[in-house]
Amino acid sequence: IASCLVGSEMCIRDSTGARNRRVMDQELKIAVANKRRHQISSAVLVIDMDHFKQVNDRFGHAVGDKVLMSFVELTNRCFRHEDRLFRFGGEEFLLLLCNTNEKGLRTAALQLQAQIAEHLKSPGGPVTVSMGGAVLYANERWQDWLQRADHQLYEAKRAGRNRIHIDTYQVAALA
């Protein structure tokens, strides 16, 4: 994802309206610092649109881009101002939920899944997503936190897609 210069400021959003990966890395580092210094809990959801390649292949990339932009708009409307949505790559996004514990992460994931089911469509029909989540552990590196959430995303996909998997001591899938 390319960044651009506007005057002397770096753009922080990509063409979908989501924040870019460079900003994501910085904000994850800030969340880790806040956990260490102030014991502020944060959580992440890694979100991937199921079978999105089919949208691009059947209807073209311009239509696929509109679906991605609609997803970003919908997600931004559903969450608090302090929460941040980043484009992780392609049709994969990361939602950083500030001051959020495991219960809040589950609630947020279920809320997003319900909103997507009700409001997000493509010319081929409804859009579904798979999600993997993790709450930041004390003294955890941001890369490890992200890796735990990403692993849960792949577990959700492996379980059949349109699923939510949250990393816990007892990993539980929500459908």
C-alpha atoms as a PDB file:
ATOM      1  CA  ILE A   1       0.000   0.000   0.000  1.00  0.00           C
ATOM      2  CA  ALA A   2       1.601   3.195  -1.110  1.00  0.00           C
ATOM      3  CA  SER A   3       1.721   6.280   1.053  1.00  0.00           C
ATOM      4  CA  CYS A   4       1.597   9.702  -0.491  1.00  0.00           C
ATOM      5  CA  LEU A   5       2.805  13.149   0.383  1.00  0.00           C
ATOM      6  CA  VAL A   6       0.335  15.975   0.775  1.00  0.00           C
ATOM      7  CA  GLY A   7       2.327  19.090   1.454  1.00  0.00           C
ATOM      8  CA  SER A   8       4.713  17.928   4.151  1.00  0.00           C
ATOM      9  CA  GLU A   9       2.347  15.457   5.818  1.00  0.00           C
ATOM     10  CA  MET A  10       2.224  11.742   5.150  1.00  0.00           C
ATOM     11  CA  CYS A  11      -1.165  10.379   4.200  1.00  0.00           C
ATOM     12  CA  ILE A  12      -2.404   8.013   6.837  1.00  0.00           C
ATOM     13  CA  ARG A  13      -5.254   6.436   4.845  1.00  0.00           C
ATOM     14  CA  ASP A  14      -5.279   4.306   1.727  1.00  0.00           C
ATOM     15  CA  SER A  15      -7.807   4.357  -1.114  1.00  0.00           C
ATOM     16  CA  THR A  16     -10.402   2.450   0.950  1.00  0.00           C
ATOM     17  CA  GLY A  17     -10.424   5.088   3.688  1.00  0.00           C
ATOM     18  CA  ALA A  18      -8.745   2.786   6.211  1.00  0.00           C
ATOM     19  CA  ARG A  19      -5.508   3.799   7.879  1.00  0.00           C
ATOM     20  CA  ASN A  20      -2.403   2.318   6.281  1.00  0.00           C
ATOM     21  CA  ARG A  21      -0.034  -0.315   7.585  1.00  0.00           C
ATOM     22  CA  ARG A  22       2.727   2.121   8.549  1.00  0.00           C
ATOM     23  CA  VAL A  23       0.323   3.895  10.913  1.00  0.00           C
ATOM     24  CA  MET A  24      -0.927   0.514  12.156  1.00  0.00           C
ATOM     25  CA  ASP A  25       2.569  -0.491  13.258  1.00  0.00           C
ATOM     26  CA  GLN A  26       2.966   2.799  15.142  1.00  0.00           C
ATOM     27  CA  GLU A  27      -0.416   2.529  16.870  1.00  0.00           C
ATOM     28  CA  LEU A  28       0.221  -1.082  17.928  1.00  0.00           C
ATOM     29  CA  LYS A  29       3.500   0.051  19.502  1.00  0.00           C
ATOM     30  CA  ILE A  30       1.635   2.808  21.345  1.00  0.00           C
ATOM     31  CA  ALA A  31      -0.922   0.268  22.632  1.00  0.00           C
ATOM     32  CA  VAL A  32       1.925  -1.915  23.946  1.00  0.00           C
ATOM     33  CA  ALA A  33       3.493   1.093  25.685  1.00  0.00           C
ATOM     34  CA  ASN A  34       0.136   2.020  27.245  1.00  0.00           C
ATOM     35  CA  LYS A  35      -0.270  -1.541  28.521  1.00  0.00           C
ATOM     36  CA  ARG A  36       3.184  -1.496  30.111  1.00  0.00           C
ATOM     37  CA  ARG A  37       2.964   1.996  31.612  1.00  0.00           C
ATOM     38  CA  HIS A  38      -0.710   2.336  32.515  1.00  0.00           C
ATOM     39  CA  GLN A  39      -2.129  -1.232  32.374  1.00  0.00           C
ATOM     40  CA  ILE A  40      -4.572  -0.130  29.641  1.00  0.00           C
ATOM     41  CA  SER A  41      -5.933  -3.196  27.909  1.00  0.00           C
ATOM     42  CA  SER A  42      -6.218  -3.260  24.112  1.00  0.00           C
ATOM     43  CA  ALA A  43      -7.454  -5.856  21.663  1.00  0.00           C
ATOM     44  CA  VAL A  44      -7.175  -6.470  17.940  1.00  0.00           C
ATOM     45  CA  LEU A  45      -9.407  -8.127  15.379  1.00  0.00           C
ATOM     46  CA  VAL A  46      -7.862  -9.285  12.118  1.00  0.00           C
ATOM     47  CA  ILE A  47     -10.661  -9.343   9.553  1.00  0.00           C
ATOM     48  CA  ASP A  48     -10.577 -11.002   6.144  1.00  0.00           C
ATOM     49  CA  MET A  49     -13.371 -10.925   3.577  1.00  0.00           C
ATOM     50  CA  ASP A  50     -14.349 -14.456   2.651  1.00  0.00           C
ATOM     51  CA  HIS A  51     -13.882 -15.453  -0.997  1.00  0.00           C
ATOM     52  CA  PHE A  52     -13.208 -11.845  -1.993  1.00  0.00           C
ATOM     53  CA  LYS A  53     -11.139 -12.850  -5.018  1.00  0.00           C
ATOM     54  CA  GLN A  54     -14.385 -14.067  -6.595  1.00  0.00           C
ATOM     55  CA  VAL A  55     -15.849 -10.555  -6.385  1.00  0.00           C
ATOM     56  CA  ASN A  56     -12.843  -9.101  -8.183  1.00  0.00           C
ATOM     57  CA  ASP A  57     -12.775 -11.922 -10.757  1.00  0.00           C
ATOM     58  CA  ARG A  58     -16.503 -11.854 -11.536  1.00  0.00           C
ATOM     59  CA  PHE A  59     -17.265  -8.133 -11.322  1.00  0.00           C
ATOM     60  CA  GLY A  60     -13.909  -6.367 -11.667  1.00  0.00           C
ATOM     61  CA  HIS A  61     -11.565  -4.563  -9.318  1.00  0.00           C
ATOM     62  CA  ALA A  62     -13.570  -1.323  -9.404  1.00  0.00           C
ATOM     63  CA  VAL A  63     -16.557  -3.163  -7.904  1.00  0.00           C
ATOM     64  CA  GLY A  64     -14.270  -4.924  -5.426  1.00  0.00           C
ATOM     65  CA  ASP A  65     -12.861  -1.552  -4.384  1.00  0.00           C
ATOM     66  CA  LYS A  66     -16.395  -0.244  -3.757  1.00  0.00           C
ATOM     67  CA  VAL A  67     -17.116  -3.239  -1.522  1.00  0.00           C
ATOM     68  CA  LEU A  68     -13.899  -2.569   0.427  1.00  0.00           C
ATOM     69  CA  MET A  69     -14.806   1.125   0.824  1.00  0.00           C
ATOM     70  CA  SER A  70     -18.306   0.183   1.986  1.00  0.00           C
ATOM     71  CA  PHE A  71     -16.776  -2.185   4.549  1.00  0.00           C
ATOM     72  CA  VAL A  72     -14.534   0.597   5.875  1.00  0.00           C
ATOM     73  CA  GLU A  73     -17.444   3.060   6.102  1.00  0.00           C
ATOM     74  CA  LEU A  74     -19.631   0.496   7.870  1.00  0.00           C
ATOM     75  CA  THR A  75     -16.896  -0.450  10.320  1.00  0.00           C
ATOM     76  CA  ASN A  76     -16.053   3.153  11.122  1.00  0.00           C
ATOM     77  CA  ARG A  77     -19.735   3.865  11.874  1.00  0.00           C
ATOM     78  CA  CYS A  78     -19.968   0.859  14.228  1.00  0.00           C
ATOM     79  CA  PHE A  79     -17.076   1.661  16.531  1.00  0.00           C
ATOM     80  CA  ARG A  80     -15.868   4.295  18.944  1.00  0.00           C
ATOM     81  CA  HIS A  81     -13.842   7.269  17.784  1.00  0.00           C
ATOM     82  CA  GLU A  82     -10.747   5.976  19.611  1.00  0.00           C
ATOM     83  CA  ASP A  83     -10.865   2.592  17.849  1.00  0.00           C
ATOM     84  CA  ARG A  84      -8.796   2.362  14.676  1.00  0.00           C
ATOM     85  CA  LEU A  85      -9.288   0.445  11.429  1.00  0.00           C
ATOM     86  CA  PHE A  86      -6.235  -0.337   9.308  1.00  0.00           C
ATOM     87  CA  ARG A  87      -5.838  -2.043   5.971  1.00  0.00           C
ATOM     88  CA  PHE A  88      -3.496  -4.915   6.653  1.00  0.00           C
ATOM     89  CA  GLY A  89      -3.290  -5.956   3.012  1.00  0.00           C
ATOM     90  CA  GLY A  90      -5.604  -6.753   0.101  1.00  0.00           C
ATOM     91  CA  GLU A  91      -8.990  -7.535   1.638  1.00  0.00           C
ATOM     92  CA  GLU A  92      -7.557  -7.981   5.130  1.00  0.00           C
ATOM     93  CA  PHE A  93      -8.057  -5.377   7.843  1.00  0.00           C
ATOM     94  CA  LEU A  94      -7.074  -4.905  11.462  1.00  0.00           C
ATOM     95  CA  LEU A  95      -9.311  -3.243  14.034  1.00  0.00           C
ATOM     96  CA  LEU A  96      -7.525  -1.919  17.116  1.00  0.00           C
ATOM     97  CA  LEU A  97      -9.919  -1.654  20.057  1.00  0.00           C
ATOM     98  CA  CYS A  98      -8.595   0.611  22.779  1.00  0.00           C
ATOM     99  CA  ASN A  99      -9.341   0.031  26.444  1.00  0.00           C
ATOM    100  CA  THR A 100     -10.944  -3.320  25.616  1.00  0.00           C
ATOM    101  CA  ASN A 101     -10.813  -6.660  27.406  1.00  0.00           C
ATOM    102  CA  GLU A 102     -11.783 -10.126  26.121  1.00  0.00           C
ATOM    103  CA  LYS A 103     -15.491  -9.619  26.798  1.00  0.00           C
ATOM    104  CA  GLY A 104     -15.445  -6.314  24.911  1.00  0.00           C
ATOM    105  CA  LEU A 105     -13.535  -7.921  22.052  1.00  0.00           C
ATOM    106  CA  ARG A 106     -16.128 -10.680  21.705  1.00  0.00           C
ATOM    107  CA  THR A 107     -18.969  -8.159  21.833  1.00  0.00           C
ATOM    108  CA  ALA A 108     -17.312  -5.968  19.204  1.00  0.00           C
ATOM    109  CA  ALA A 109     -16.664  -8.926  16.893  1.00  0.00           C
ATOM    110  CA  LEU A 110     -20.253 -10.127  17.149  1.00  0.00           C
ATOM    111  CA  GLN A 111     -21.568  -6.606  16.563  1.00  0.00           C
ATOM    112  CA  LEU A 112     -19.413  -6.200  13.465  1.00  0.00           C
ATOM    113  CA  GLN A 113     -20.436  -9.607  12.133  1.00  0.00           C
ATOM    114  CA  ALA A 114     -24.129  -8.693  12.563  1.00  0.00           C
ATOM    115  CA  GLN A 115     -23.692  -5.309  10.866  1.00  0.00           C
ATOM    116  CA  ILE A 116     -21.866  -6.884   7.932  1.00  0.00           C
ATOM    117  CA  ALA A 117     -24.565  -9.539   7.544  1.00  0.00           C
ATOM    118  CA  GLU A 118     -27.264  -6.881   7.504  1.00  0.00           C
ATOM    119  CA  HIS A 119     -25.632  -4.121   5.466  1.00  0.00           C
ATOM    120  CA  LEU A 120     -22.673  -5.270   3.353  1.00  0.00           C
ATOM    121  CA  LYS A 121     -23.430  -6.669  -0.080  1.00  0.00           C
ATOM    122  CA  SER A 122     -21.628  -7.188  -3.365  1.00  0.00           C
ATOM    123  CA  PRO A 123     -23.209  -7.713  -6.782  1.00  0.00           C
ATOM    124  CA  GLY A 124     -22.756 -11.434  -6.093  1.00  0.00           C
ATOM    125  CA  GLY A 125     -24.768 -11.290  -2.875  1.00  0.00           C
ATOM    126  CA  PRO A 126     -23.976 -10.990   0.834  1.00  0.00           C
ATOM    127  CA  VAL A 127     -20.410 -10.483   2.020  1.00  0.00           C
ATOM    128  CA  THR A 128     -19.070 -12.483   4.958  1.00  0.00           C
ATOM    129  CA  VAL A 129     -15.872 -12.127   6.931  1.00  0.00           C
ATOM    130  CA  SER A 130     -13.685 -14.314   9.069  1.00  0.00           C
ATOM    131  CA  MET A 131     -12.163 -12.733  12.176  1.00  0.00           C
ATOM    132  CA  GLY A 132      -9.374 -13.563  14.556  1.00  0.00           C
ATOM    133  CA  GLY A 133      -8.910 -11.671  17.787  1.00  0.00           C
ATOM    134  CA  ALA A 134      -6.493 -11.318  20.662  1.00  0.00           C
ATOM    135  CA  VAL A 135      -6.192  -9.181  23.784  1.00  0.00           C
ATOM    136  CA  LEU A 136      -2.732  -7.791  24.469  1.00  0.00           C
ATOM    137  CA  TYR A 137      -0.836  -9.642  27.196  1.00  0.00           C
ATOM    138  CA  ALA A 138       1.384  -7.849  29.715  1.00  0.00           C
ATOM    139  CA  ASN A 139       4.963  -7.528  28.391  1.00  0.00           C
ATOM    140  CA  GLU A 140       3.998  -8.861  24.957  1.00  0.00           C
ATOM    141  CA  ARG A 141       5.627  -7.547  21.787  1.00  0.00           C
ATOM    142  CA  TRP A 142       3.192  -6.087  19.265  1.00  0.00           C
ATOM    143  CA  GLN A 143       4.396  -8.548  16.614  1.00  0.00           C
ATOM    144  CA  ASP A 144       3.503 -11.516  18.842  1.00  0.00           C
ATOM    145  CA  TRP A 145       0.106 -10.014  19.660  1.00  0.00           C
ATOM    146  CA  LEU A 146      -0.611  -9.549  15.974  1.00  0.00           C
ATOM    147  CA  GLN A 147       0.595 -13.082  15.207  1.00  0.00           C
ATOM    148  CA  ARG A 148      -1.800 -14.556  17.799  1.00  0.00           C
ATOM    149  CA  ALA A 149      -4.753 -12.718  16.243  1.00  0.00           C
ATOM    150  CA  ASP A 150      -3.666 -13.696  12.729  1.00  0.00           C
ATOM    151  CA  HIS A 151      -3.414 -17.339  13.784  1.00  0.00           C
ATOM    152  CA  GLN A 152      -7.000 -17.145  15.055  1.00  0.00           C
ATOM    153  CA  LEU A 153      -8.098 -15.691  11.707  1.00  0.00           C
ATOM    154  CA  TYR A 154      -6.676 -18.725   9.928  1.00  0.00           C
ATOM    155  CA  GLU A 155      -8.412 -21.008  12.414  1.00  0.00           C
ATOM    156  CA  ALA A 156     -11.705 -19.241  11.639  1.00  0.00           C
ATOM    157  CA  LYS A 157     -11.132 -19.750   7.909  1.00  0.00           C
ATOM    158  CA  ARG A 158     -10.170 -23.378   8.430  1.00  0.00           C
ATOM    159  CA  ALA A 159     -13.373 -23.909  10.448  1.00  0.00           C
ATOM    160  CA  GLY A 160     -15.504 -22.885   7.484  1.00  0.00           C
ATOM    161  CA  ARG A 161     -15.301 -19.080   7.211  1.00  0.00           C
ATOM    162  CA  ASN A 162     -17.804 -16.505   8.422  1.00  0.00           C
ATOM    163  CA  ARG A 163     -16.511 -17.295  11.913  1.00  0.00           C
ATOM    164  CA  ILE A 164     -14.952 -15.471  14.824  1.00  0.00           C
ATOM    165  CA  HIS A 165     -12.066 -17.030  16.753  1.00  0.00           C
ATOM    166  CA  ILE A 166     -10.654 -15.274  19.806  1.00  0.00           C
ATOM    167  CA  ASP A 167      -7.328 -16.256  21.352  1.00  0.00           C
ATOM    168  CA  THR A 168      -7.892 -17.320  24.953  1.00  0.00           C
ATOM    169  CA  TYR A 169      -6.556 -19.966  27.264  1.00  0.00           C
ATOM    170  CA  GLN A 170      -9.499 -22.020  26.097  1.00  0.00           C
ATOM    171  CA  VAL A 171      -9.839 -21.073  22.430  1.00  0.00           C
ATOM    172  CA  ALA A 172     -13.527 -20.788  21.606  1.00  0.00           C
ATOM    173  CA  ALA A 173     -15.120 -20.168  18.215  1.00  0.00           C
ATOM    174  CA  LEU A 174     -18.174 -18.011  17.854  1.00  0.00           C
ATOM    175  CA  ALA A 175     -20.439 -18.538  14.875  1.00  0.00           C
END
